[in-house]
Amino acid sequence: MNKVIRIGTRDSELALWQANNVKKKLDKLGHSTKLIPVKSDGDLELDQPLYSMGITGIFTKTLDVAMLTDKIDIAVHSMKDVPTILPNGIVQAAVMKRANHKDILVHKGLDFLNTEGIIATGSLRRKAQWLQRYPLHEVVDLRGNVNTRLKKLEDNSWDAAIFAAAGLERLNKLPENHTELQWMVPAPAQGVMMIAAKKEDQFCIEALASLNHETTEICTRAEREFLKELEGGCTAPIGALATIENDLLHFKGILLSIDGQRTVSIDKKIRLEDAIDFGKACAQEVLFNGGKELMRGIKIQMNQ
């Protein structure tokens, strides 16, 4: 075990926390490791919403290039940022146990919920689900790392902003004035860290195998199948959550129009032994039940 495993990561505070978490686990197994921070285009381009850049994997592609050009051996990602199709030569080597999957509302008081209000988020999924529930509210774009977004909320006249619970909890930055959005369907693989490696790097693949959490892997596979089948290369407001209860896989999925006023959802259970391609089947049912027309309208709107 004399090979030093070079761990690639974005250089944001949260990404470094995640990479260090993996580093500690590999070190504990007796491996030698080294962190290699890399700045991504998604971190640099803070003046426009992610979806408007027209690029998939904006937070992961820099690390993909670094891996394929042998600057790093493995990459640690927030799995919800990873495209459903990985680049040639790169494989999913491990899926870590899921943390809190919920979305969190950080607010300055909740009186605005029953009147007009301004909510900040950079996510189309969060925007659409919020407008579905609160159609009179205004949703403004919010980008940047966790600290930047919390500061922007503090400095602006917005009423609240939506964050992923896992990120705030990992950095111990969960403000007192928050509430969990139990009704909001999370992004596919939200709260999950994924580790990628080169396909031919058997040493790293074997080293990472012991970090894989099988239950989380099964659930995220269904969620990402759902996303892949629906998306067709288009960014859209899509939520998905799979959980395992006894020997059943419980899947919830939703596709919304950007204004949140049209939705197609699904809520189904299946025996684990029959769950192969279940996420794909759920997506096909959504498409059949009006999702195809909804996706067509989203693509037209996104291209205007």
Protein backbone atom coordinates (compact mmCIF):
# COMPACT_ATOMS: atom_id res chain seq x y z
CA MET A 1 0.00 0.00 0.00
CA ASN A 2 2.82 2.41 -0.81
CA LYS A 3 0.90 4.28 -3.52
CA VAL A 4 -0.23 7.77 -2.49
CA ILE A 5 -3.88 8.24 -3.44
CA ARG A 6 -4.27 11.81 -4.74
CA ILE A 7 -7.76 13.04 -3.80
CA GLY A 8 -9.14 15.73 -6.08
CA THR A 9 -11.69 18.16 -4.69
CA ARG A 10 -13.18 21.58 -5.31
CA ASP A 11 -11.62 24.14 -3.00
CA SER A 12 -14.80 25.38 -1.34
CA GLU A 13 -15.13 24.84 2.41
CA LEU A 14 -17.83 22.20 1.99
CA ALA A 15 -15.99 20.32 -0.76
CA LEU A 16 -12.82 20.28 1.36
CA TRP A 17 -14.81 18.96 4.33
CA GLN A 18 -16.15 16.15 2.17
CA ALA A 19 -12.72 15.31 0.74
CA ASN A 20 -11.15 15.32 4.20
CA ASN A 21 -13.88 12.98 5.39
CA VAL A 22 -12.90 10.50 2.67
CA LYS A 23 -9.20 11.07 3.36
CA LYS A 24 -9.63 10.17 7.04
CA LYS A 25 -11.48 6.97 6.17
CA LEU A 26 -8.80 5.90 3.68
CA ASP A 27 -6.02 6.82 6.12
CA LYS A 28 -7.72 4.71 8.78
CA LEU A 29 -7.64 1.75 6.37
CA GLY A 30 -3.86 2.18 6.09
CA HIS A 31 -3.65 4.04 2.77
CA SER A 32 -1.43 7.04 2.07
CA THR A 33 -3.43 10.01 0.74
CA LYS A 34 -2.99 13.61 -0.38
CA LEU A 35 -5.59 16.32 -1.10
CA ILE A 36 -5.39 18.18 -4.42
CA PRO A 37 -7.81 21.18 -4.42
CA VAL A 38 -9.04 22.35 -7.85
CA LYS A 39 -11.24 25.39 -8.56
CA SER A 40 -14.21 24.62 -10.80
CA ASP A 41 -15.98 26.82 -13.34
CA GLY A 42 -19.12 26.51 -11.23
CA ASP A 43 -17.33 28.26 -8.36
CA LEU A 44 -15.82 30.95 -10.59
CA GLU A 45 -18.92 31.95 -12.59
CA LEU A 46 -21.05 33.44 -9.84
CA ASP A 47 -22.85 36.08 -11.92
CA GLN A 48 -25.41 33.82 -13.57
CA PRO A 49 -27.61 30.86 -12.61
CA LEU A 50 -26.12 27.41 -13.15
CA TYR A 51 -28.90 26.30 -15.47
CA SER A 52 -28.33 29.29 -17.78
CA MET A 53 -24.74 28.19 -18.50
CA GLY A 54 -25.99 25.25 -20.54
CA ILE A 55 -23.28 22.97 -19.17
CA THR A 56 -23.83 19.65 -17.40
CA GLY A 57 -21.44 18.75 -14.64
CA ILE A 58 -20.09 22.26 -14.20
CA PHE A 59 -18.86 21.40 -10.69
CA THR A 60 -17.33 18.09 -11.77
CA LYS A 61 -15.81 18.54 -15.22
CA THR A 62 -12.61 20.22 -13.96
CA LEU A 63 -11.96 17.24 -11.70
CA ASP A 64 -12.80 14.85 -14.55
CA VAL A 65 -10.12 16.49 -16.70
CA ALA A 66 -7.63 16.41 -13.80
CA MET A 67 -8.26 12.70 -13.35
CA LEU A 68 -8.03 11.81 -17.03
CA THR A 69 -4.77 13.77 -17.33
CA ASP A 70 -3.34 11.94 -14.29
CA LYS A 71 -3.17 14.96 -11.96
CA ILE A 72 -5.40 13.20 -9.41
CA ASP A 73 -6.40 9.58 -8.75
CA ILE A 74 -9.90 9.96 -7.31
CA ALA A 75 -12.45 12.77 -7.00
CA VAL A 76 -14.95 13.44 -4.22
CA HIS A 77 -18.24 14.98 -5.32
CA SER A 78 -21.62 15.95 -3.96
CA MET A 79 -23.46 13.27 -5.90
CA LYS A 80 -26.34 15.57 -6.86
CA ASP A 81 -23.82 17.63 -8.90
CA VAL A 82 -22.60 14.61 -10.90
CA PRO A 83 -24.04 14.12 -14.42
CA THR A 84 -25.96 10.87 -14.88
CA ILE A 85 -23.53 9.85 -17.64
CA LEU A 86 -19.89 9.80 -16.51
CA PRO A 87 -17.05 10.60 -18.94
CA ASN A 88 -15.37 7.73 -20.75
CA GLY A 89 -12.72 6.19 -18.52
CA ILE A 90 -14.27 7.32 -15.21
CA VAL A 91 -16.41 5.13 -12.96
CA GLN A 92 -18.40 5.48 -9.74
CA ALA A 93 -16.14 3.76 -7.22
CA ALA A 94 -18.04 4.39 -3.98
CA VAL A 95 -21.23 5.98 -2.67
CA MET A 96 -21.02 7.15 0.94
CA LYS A 97 -23.83 6.72 3.48
CA ARG A 98 -26.45 9.40 2.95
CA ALA A 99 -26.59 12.37 5.34
CA ASN A 100 -29.71 14.52 5.80
CA HIS A 101 -31.50 14.63 2.43
CA LYS A 102 -33.87 17.49 3.28
CA ASP A 103 -33.99 21.10 2.10
CA ILE A 104 -33.80 23.81 4.79
CA LEU A 105 -35.42 27.25 4.84
CA VAL A 106 -33.18 29.81 6.57
CA HIS A 107 -35.41 32.78 7.36
CA LYS A 108 -35.77 36.11 9.15
CA GLY A 109 -39.18 35.20 10.59
CA LEU A 110 -42.06 33.27 9.02
CA ASP A 111 -44.77 35.96 8.89
CA PHE A 112 -44.15 36.42 5.16
CA LEU A 113 -45.43 32.92 4.35
CA ASN A 114 -49.04 34.10 4.37
CA THR A 115 -48.35 37.32 2.44
CA GLU A 116 -45.92 38.36 -0.27
CA GLY A 117 -42.32 37.35 0.16
CA ILE A 118 -38.92 37.06 -1.51
CA ILE A 119 -37.11 33.72 -1.46
CA ALA A 120 -33.55 33.15 -2.70
CA THR A 121 -32.32 29.97 -4.37
CA GLY A 122 -30.18 29.01 -7.36
CA SER A 123 -32.10 25.76 -7.90
CA LEU A 124 -34.87 25.38 -10.47
CA ARG A 125 -36.24 22.44 -8.48
CA ARG A 126 -36.51 24.46 -5.26
CA LYS A 127 -37.91 27.47 -7.12
CA ALA A 128 -40.63 25.44 -8.83
CA GLN A 129 -41.70 23.61 -5.67
CA TRP A 130 -41.75 26.85 -3.69
CA LEU A 131 -43.88 28.62 -6.29
CA GLN A 132 -46.22 25.64 -6.42
CA ARG A 133 -46.92 26.17 -2.71
CA TYR A 134 -46.51 29.98 -2.57
CA PRO A 135 -47.42 31.34 -6.03
CA LEU A 136 -47.50 34.99 -4.83
CA HIS A 137 -43.85 34.96 -3.76
CA GLU A 138 -40.89 36.19 -5.78
CA VAL A 139 -37.90 33.88 -6.19
CA VAL A 140 -34.48 35.48 -6.78
CA ASP A 141 -31.26 33.76 -7.83
CA LEU A 142 -28.68 32.91 -5.18
CA ARG A 143 -25.22 31.53 -5.99
CA GLY A 144 -21.93 30.95 -4.23
CA ASN A 145 -20.63 28.72 -1.47
CA VAL A 146 -22.48 28.25 1.82
CA ASN A 147 -20.82 31.21 3.57
CA THR A 148 -21.41 33.51 0.59
CA ARG A 149 -25.09 32.57 0.38
CA LEU A 150 -25.67 33.03 4.11
CA LYS A 151 -24.01 36.46 3.93
CA LYS A 152 -26.10 37.47 0.90
CA LEU A 153 -29.27 36.52 2.77
CA GLU A 154 -28.15 38.64 5.72
CA ASP A 155 -27.24 41.63 3.52
CA ASN A 156 -30.35 41.68 1.33
CA SER A 157 -34.00 42.39 2.02
CA TRP A 158 -34.99 38.83 1.16
CA ASP A 159 -37.22 36.97 3.60
CA ALA A 160 -35.49 33.60 3.36
CA ALA A 161 -33.21 31.33 1.35
CA ILE A 162 -33.25 27.59 0.73
CA PHE A 163 -30.22 25.40 1.46
CA ALA A 164 -29.42 21.69 1.55
CA ALA A 165 -29.51 20.55 5.16
CA ALA A 166 -26.48 18.29 4.71
CA GLY A 167 -24.14 21.12 3.72
CA LEU A 168 -25.11 23.36 6.63
CA GLU A 169 -24.88 20.48 9.10
CA ARG A 170 -21.50 19.25 7.83
CA LEU A 171 -20.01 22.72 8.30
CA ASN A 172 -21.83 23.30 11.59
CA LYS A 173 -23.42 26.44 10.14
CA LEU A 174 -27.09 25.67 10.65
CA PRO A 175 -28.66 28.93 11.93
CA GLU A 176 -31.21 28.87 14.72
CA ASN A 177 -33.77 30.54 12.48
CA HIS A 178 -34.40 27.62 10.15
CA THR A 179 -37.11 25.10 9.36
CA GLU A 180 -36.95 21.79 7.51
CA LEU A 181 -39.08 21.71 4.36
CA GLN A 182 -40.60 18.29 4.92
CA TRP A 183 -42.86 18.69 1.90
CA MET A 184 -40.12 19.49 -0.60
CA VAL A 185 -38.85 16.57 -2.72
CA PRO A 186 -35.03 16.73 -2.74
CA ALA A 187 -32.71 16.59 -5.71
CA PRO A 188 -31.75 13.09 -6.81
CA ALA A 189 -28.85 11.92 -4.57
CA GLN A 190 -29.09 14.97 -2.28
CA GLY A 191 -27.06 14.52 0.90
CA VAL A 192 -24.80 11.90 -0.69
CA MET A 193 -21.07 11.98 -1.43
CA MET A 194 -19.78 10.00 -4.41
CA ILE A 195 -16.18 9.06 -5.17
CA ALA A 196 -15.07 8.64 -8.78
CA ALA A 197 -11.97 6.84 -10.02
CA LYS A 198 -10.34 5.92 -13.32
CA LYS A 199 -11.80 2.76 -14.80
CA GLU A 200 -8.41 1.07 -15.15
CA ASP A 201 -7.17 2.06 -11.66
CA GLN A 202 -7.83 -1.23 -9.88
CA PHE A 203 -5.82 -0.15 -6.82
CA CYS A 204 -8.08 2.83 -6.08
CA ILE A 205 -11.27 0.97 -6.99
CA GLU A 206 -10.40 -1.79 -4.50
CA ALA A 207 -9.38 0.76 -1.85
CA LEU A 208 -12.71 2.59 -2.19
CA ALA A 209 -14.91 -0.51 -2.28
CA SER A 210 -14.95 -0.74 1.53
CA LEU A 211 -16.32 2.83 1.77
CA ASN A 212 -19.38 2.01 -0.35
CA HIS A 213 -22.75 2.06 1.45
CA GLU A 214 -24.98 -0.45 -0.31
CA THR A 215 -28.36 0.92 0.81
CA THR A 216 -27.46 4.44 -0.34
CA GLU A 217 -26.08 3.07 -3.60
CA ILE A 218 -29.37 1.27 -4.35
CA CYS A 219 -31.47 4.35 -3.54
CA THR A 220 -29.34 6.81 -5.50
CA ARG A 221 -29.25 4.47 -8.49
CA ALA A 222 -33.06 4.63 -8.70
CA GLU A 223 -33.08 8.42 -8.23
CA ARG A 224 -30.46 9.00 -10.91
CA GLU A 225 -32.19 6.59 -13.33
CA PHE A 226 -35.32 8.70 -12.89
CA LEU A 227 -33.37 11.90 -13.56
CA LYS A 228 -31.56 10.48 -16.60
CA GLU A 229 -34.74 9.17 -18.22
CA LEU A 230 -36.64 12.43 -17.70
CA GLU A 231 -33.95 14.99 -18.39
CA GLY A 232 -32.78 14.09 -21.87
CA GLY A 233 -29.92 16.58 -21.55
CA CYS A 234 -32.17 19.40 -20.37
CA THR A 235 -31.97 21.03 -16.94
CA ALA A 236 -35.42 20.78 -15.39
CA PRO A 237 -37.14 21.02 -11.99
CA ILE A 238 -36.90 17.35 -10.97
CA GLY A 239 -37.01 15.86 -7.48
CA ALA A 240 -36.57 12.24 -6.42
CA LEU A 241 -36.15 10.31 -3.20
CA ALA A 242 -35.85 6.55 -2.75
CA THR A 243 -35.84 4.88 0.66
CA ILE A 244 -35.75 1.25 1.76
CA GLU A 245 -38.37 0.03 4.22
CA ASN A 246 -38.06 -3.62 5.19
CA ASP A 247 -37.69 -5.35 1.80
CA LEU A 248 -39.40 -2.62 -0.19
CA LEU A 249 -37.95 0.27 -2.20
CA HIS A 250 -40.18 3.33 -1.78
CA PHE A 251 -39.79 5.88 -4.57
CA LYS A 252 -41.13 9.43 -4.75
CA GLY A 253 -40.52 11.55 -7.84
CA ILE A 254 -41.75 14.86 -9.20
CA LEU A 255 -41.42 16.90 -12.39
CA LEU A 256 -42.61 20.52 -12.35
CA SER A 257 -42.97 23.42 -14.74
CA ILE A 258 -40.54 26.25 -13.94
CA ASP A 259 -43.35 28.34 -12.41
CA GLY A 260 -44.45 25.36 -10.32
CA GLN A 261 -48.03 25.50 -11.54
CA ARG A 262 -47.96 22.20 -13.43
CA THR A 263 -46.65 19.00 -11.88
CA VAL A 264 -46.52 15.29 -12.55
CA SER A 265 -45.57 13.13 -9.58
CA ILE A 266 -45.23 9.47 -8.66
CA ASP A 267 -45.18 7.59 -5.37
CA LYS A 268 -44.66 3.82 -5.61
CA LYS A 269 -43.19 0.85 -3.76
CA ILE A 270 -41.61 -2.30 -5.16
CA ARG A 271 -39.88 -5.34 -3.73
CA LEU A 272 -36.11 -4.83 -3.59
CA GLU A 273 -35.50 -7.97 -5.62
CA ASP A 274 -37.59 -6.47 -8.45
CA ALA A 275 -36.13 -2.95 -8.25
CA ILE A 276 -33.75 -3.14 -11.23
CA ASP A 277 -34.53 -0.20 -13.57
CA PHE A 278 -37.32 0.93 -11.20
CA GLY A 279 -36.26 4.58 -11.40
CA LYS A 280 -36.38 4.41 -15.19
CA ALA A 281 -39.82 2.80 -15.11
CA CYS A 282 -41.10 5.53 -12.76
CA ALA A 283 -39.77 8.21 -15.14
CA GLN A 284 -41.48 6.56 -18.10
CA GLU A 285 -44.76 6.58 -16.18
CA VAL A 286 -44.30 10.29 -15.42
CA LEU A 287 -43.58 11.01 -19.09
CA PHE A 288 -46.69 9.06 -20.14
CA ASN A 289 -48.87 10.91 -17.62
CA GLY A 290 -48.10 14.39 -18.97
CA GLY A 291 -44.40 14.71 -18.32
CA LYS A 292 -43.47 14.58 -21.99
CA GLU A 293 -45.50 17.73 -22.73
CA LEU A 294 -44.17 19.35 -19.58
CA MET A 295 -40.55 18.66 -20.60
CA ARG A 296 -41.23 20.04 -24.07
CA GLY A 297 -42.47 23.30 -22.55
CA ILE A 298 -39.48 23.50 -20.19
CA LYS A 299 -37.03 23.07 -23.07
CA ILE A 300 -38.75 25.81 -25.08
CA GLN A 301 -38.68 28.16 -22.08
CA MET A 302 -35.01 27.40 -21.32
CA ASN A 303 -33.97 28.11 -24.90
CA GLN A 304 -35.71 31.50 -25.11
